[in-house]
Every structure is written in C-alpha cells, then in structure tokens.
Amino acid sequence: MVSIDLYKNLPTSDELPDSDDTPVDNEDQNFLPNYLLFLLAIIWKDRNDWYFGVDMGIYHTSGDNPRVPSNS
C-alpha cells in the first residue's frame, strides 16, 4: 500500500498572503456585509448549517496562486 503525505507540499500560514494592510475605503464596505448578515440571519433563523465571513482570503488547491480580495 502506498502512503501519501497530503500536507507535504502545502504552504505554511506565513507563505499565504492574508492582508494588504489597506484600511477600509468607505462606509459601504462595512454597511453592506452587515446588512447581508442581518438579512441572512432573519431568512435562515431556523438553520444552523451556514457561515458568513467577511474580508477573508480564499485558498484552493487547483495549482494556481492563492487569491486574496483587493481594494482596487
């Protein structure tokens, strides 16, 4: 049987970009996610199988470089 180390080639947390250290540009960038969270909390009040995150990097294993949200 072949043993594969799945974590051997994964980057460390230090190698993954996590911020561009740019402050929030305007009030809408705070208001809109909070408004959406408010609406989802009402619509899905009886569900506990969802998660809402803001300002998060999304990493994948397709071989491309990691993608991080930007303020541009």
N, C-alpha and C. Protein backbone atom coordinates (compact mmCIF):
# COMPACT_ATOMS: atom_id res chain seq x y z
N MET A 1 0.85 -1.18 0.00
CA MET A 1 0.00 0.00 0.00
C MET A 1 0.89 1.24 0.00
N VAL A 2 0.52 2.22 -0.80
CA VAL A 2 1.29 3.46 -0.92
C VAL A 2 0.78 4.47 0.10
N SER A 3 1.70 5.11 0.78
CA SER A 3 1.35 6.14 1.76
C SER A 3 1.67 7.51 1.17
N ILE A 4 0.72 8.41 1.20
CA ILE A 4 0.90 9.75 0.63
C ILE A 4 0.77 10.78 1.74
N ASP A 5 1.75 11.68 1.80
CA ASP A 5 1.70 12.77 2.78
C ASP A 5 1.01 13.96 2.13
N LEU A 6 -0.28 14.14 2.41
CA LEU A 6 -1.07 15.19 1.78
C LEU A 6 -0.62 16.59 2.17
N TYR A 7 0.02 16.74 3.31
CA TYR A 7 0.40 18.06 3.80
C TYR A 7 1.83 18.45 3.42
N LYS A 8 2.54 17.59 2.72
CA LYS A 8 3.94 17.82 2.39
C LYS A 8 4.15 19.09 1.57
N ASN A 9 3.31 19.33 0.56
CA ASN A 9 3.52 20.45 -0.35
C ASN A 9 2.65 21.67 -0.07
N LEU A 10 1.89 21.63 1.01
CA LEU A 10 1.04 22.78 1.32
C LEU A 10 1.89 23.91 1.89
N PRO A 11 1.58 25.17 1.52
CA PRO A 11 2.34 26.29 2.08
C PRO A 11 1.99 26.50 3.55
N THR A 12 2.91 27.12 4.25
CA THR A 12 2.66 27.46 5.65
C THR A 12 1.79 28.71 5.70
N SER A 13 1.28 29.04 6.87
CA SER A 13 0.47 30.25 7.00
C SER A 13 1.29 31.50 6.73
N ASP A 14 2.61 31.45 6.96
CA ASP A 14 3.47 32.60 6.66
C ASP A 14 3.63 32.82 5.16
N GLU A 15 3.48 31.76 4.37
CA GLU A 15 3.64 31.87 2.92
C GLU A 15 2.36 32.29 2.21
N LEU A 16 1.22 32.25 2.88
CA LEU A 16 -0.05 32.64 2.28
C LEU A 16 -0.33 34.10 2.57
N PRO A 17 -0.64 34.90 1.54
CA PRO A 17 -0.98 36.30 1.79
C PRO A 17 -2.29 36.39 2.57
N ASP A 18 -2.37 37.34 3.49
CA ASP A 18 -3.59 37.45 4.28
C ASP A 18 -4.10 38.87 4.40
N SER A 19 -3.35 39.86 3.95
CA SER A 19 -3.81 41.23 4.07
C SER A 19 -2.94 42.13 3.22
N ASP A 20 -3.54 43.23 2.73
CA ASP A 20 -2.73 44.23 2.05
C ASP A 20 -2.53 45.45 2.94
N ASP A 21 -2.98 45.34 4.20
CA ASP A 21 -2.83 46.40 5.21
C ASP A 21 -3.43 47.73 4.79
N THR A 22 -4.42 47.68 3.89
CA THR A 22 -5.12 48.89 3.47
C THR A 22 -6.40 49.03 4.28
N PRO A 23 -6.61 50.20 4.89
CA PRO A 23 -7.85 50.38 5.66
C PRO A 23 -9.08 50.36 4.75
N VAL A 24 -10.24 50.16 5.35
CA VAL A 24 -11.49 50.17 4.61
C VAL A 24 -11.66 51.52 3.92
N ASP A 25 -12.02 51.46 2.64
CA ASP A 25 -12.10 52.68 1.84
C ASP A 25 -13.31 53.55 2.14
N ASN A 26 -14.45 52.94 2.40
CA ASN A 26 -15.65 53.74 2.64
C ASN A 26 -16.61 52.98 3.55
N GLU A 27 -17.63 53.69 3.98
CA GLU A 27 -18.58 53.12 4.94
C GLU A 27 -19.39 51.97 4.34
N ASP A 28 -19.62 52.00 3.02
CA ASP A 28 -20.38 50.92 2.38
C ASP A 28 -19.71 49.57 2.54
N GLN A 29 -18.38 49.56 2.61
CA GLN A 29 -17.68 48.30 2.75
C GLN A 29 -17.93 47.67 4.12
N ASN A 30 -18.37 48.44 5.08
CA ASN A 30 -18.80 47.90 6.37
C ASN A 30 -20.30 47.66 6.39
N PHE A 31 -21.07 48.59 5.82
CA PHE A 31 -22.52 48.52 5.89
C PHE A 31 -23.08 47.32 5.12
N LEU A 32 -22.64 47.11 3.88
CA LEU A 32 -23.23 46.07 3.04
C LEU A 32 -23.06 44.65 3.60
N PRO A 33 -21.87 44.25 4.04
CA PRO A 33 -21.78 42.91 4.63
C PRO A 33 -22.62 42.77 5.90
N ASN A 34 -22.69 43.81 6.71
CA ASN A 34 -23.50 43.75 7.92
C ASN A 34 -24.99 43.65 7.59
N TYR A 35 -25.41 44.36 6.56
CA TYR A 35 -26.80 44.30 6.11
C TYR A 35 -27.13 42.90 5.59
N LEU A 36 -26.23 42.34 4.79
CA LEU A 36 -26.44 41.00 4.28
C LEU A 36 -26.50 39.98 5.42
N LEU A 37 -25.62 40.10 6.38
CA LEU A 37 -25.64 39.20 7.53
C LEU A 37 -26.97 39.31 8.28
N PHE A 38 -27.45 40.53 8.47
CA PHE A 38 -28.73 40.76 9.13
C PHE A 38 -29.86 40.04 8.38
N LEU A 39 -29.89 40.20 7.05
CA LEU A 39 -30.94 39.56 6.24
C LEU A 39 -30.84 38.04 6.29
N LEU A 40 -29.63 37.51 6.16
CA LEU A 40 -29.47 36.05 6.21
C LEU A 40 -29.86 35.50 7.57
N ALA A 41 -29.55 36.22 8.63
CA ALA A 41 -29.90 35.77 9.97
C ALA A 41 -31.41 35.69 10.15
N ILE A 42 -32.14 36.58 9.49
CA ILE A 42 -33.61 36.53 9.54
C ILE A 42 -34.14 35.39 8.67
N ILE A 43 -33.65 35.34 7.43
CA ILE A 43 -34.14 34.33 6.48
C ILE A 43 -33.83 32.92 6.95
N TRP A 44 -32.64 32.72 7.48
CA TRP A 44 -32.20 31.38 7.89
C TRP A 44 -32.17 31.22 9.40
N LYS A 45 -33.09 31.86 10.09
CA LYS A 45 -33.08 31.83 11.56
C LYS A 45 -33.23 30.42 12.13
N ASP A 46 -33.87 29.52 11.39
CA ASP A 46 -34.07 28.16 11.88
C ASP A 46 -32.99 27.19 11.40
N ARG A 47 -31.98 27.72 10.72
CA ARG A 47 -30.91 26.86 10.20
C ARG A 47 -29.62 27.11 10.99
N ASN A 48 -28.82 26.10 11.09
CA ASN A 48 -27.52 26.27 11.75
C ASN A 48 -26.40 25.68 10.89
N ASP A 49 -26.64 25.60 9.58
CA ASP A 49 -25.65 24.99 8.69
C ASP A 49 -25.04 26.01 7.72
N TRP A 50 -24.92 27.26 8.14
CA TRP A 50 -24.33 28.26 7.28
C TRP A 50 -23.32 29.09 8.05
N TYR A 51 -22.43 29.72 7.30
CA TYR A 51 -21.37 30.55 7.86
C TYR A 51 -21.23 31.79 6.98
N PHE A 52 -21.05 32.93 7.59
CA PHE A 52 -20.88 34.17 6.85
C PHE A 52 -19.55 34.79 7.27
N GLY A 53 -18.68 35.03 6.33
CA GLY A 53 -17.37 35.62 6.62
C GLY A 53 -17.11 36.81 5.73
N VAL A 54 -16.36 37.77 6.25
CA VAL A 54 -16.03 39.00 5.52
C VAL A 54 -14.52 39.21 5.59
N ASP A 55 -13.97 39.78 4.53
CA ASP A 55 -12.53 40.09 4.47
C ASP A 55 -11.68 38.85 4.69
N MET A 56 -12.03 37.79 3.99
CA MET A 56 -11.30 36.54 4.13
C MET A 56 -10.62 36.19 2.82
N GLY A 57 -9.42 35.68 2.90
CA GLY A 57 -8.76 35.14 1.73
C GLY A 57 -9.32 33.75 1.45
N ILE A 58 -9.41 33.40 0.20
CA ILE A 58 -9.91 32.07 -0.17
C ILE A 58 -8.76 31.34 -0.85
N TYR A 59 -8.39 30.22 -0.30
CA TYR A 59 -7.29 29.44 -0.84
C TYR A 59 -7.82 28.15 -1.43
N HIS A 60 -7.19 27.69 -2.46
CA HIS A 60 -7.64 26.49 -3.13
C HIS A 60 -6.42 25.67 -3.52
N THR A 61 -6.65 24.48 -4.00
CA THR A 61 -5.55 23.59 -4.33
C THR A 61 -5.53 23.23 -5.81
N SER A 62 -5.96 24.12 -6.67
CA SER A 62 -6.00 23.82 -8.10
C SER A 62 -4.66 24.01 -8.78
N GLY A 63 -3.65 24.48 -8.06
CA GLY A 63 -2.33 24.70 -8.64
C GLY A 63 -2.05 26.14 -8.96
N ASP A 64 -3.07 27.00 -8.99
CA ASP A 64 -2.85 28.41 -9.24
C ASP A 64 -2.37 29.10 -7.97
N ASN A 65 -1.94 30.33 -8.12
CA ASN A 65 -1.55 31.12 -6.96
C ASN A 65 -2.77 31.42 -6.10
N PRO A 66 -2.60 31.58 -4.78
CA PRO A 66 -3.73 31.93 -3.93
C PRO A 66 -4.32 33.27 -4.34
N ARG A 67 -5.61 33.41 -4.17
CA ARG A 67 -6.31 34.66 -4.49
C ARG A 67 -6.71 35.34 -3.19
N VAL A 68 -6.44 36.63 -3.12
CA VAL A 68 -6.79 37.42 -1.94
C VAL A 68 -7.60 38.61 -2.41
N PRO A 69 -8.73 38.92 -1.75
CA PRO A 69 -9.52 40.09 -2.14
C PRO A 69 -8.67 41.36 -2.10
N SER A 70 -8.89 42.25 -3.02
CA SER A 70 -8.15 43.52 -3.03
C SER A 70 -9.13 44.67 -3.00
N ASN A 71 -8.62 45.85 -2.68
CA ASN A 71 -9.46 47.06 -2.61
C ASN A 71 -9.41 47.83 -3.92
N SER A 72 -8.86 47.27 -4.99
CA SER A 72 -8.76 48.00 -6.25
C SER A 72 -10.04 47.97 -7.01
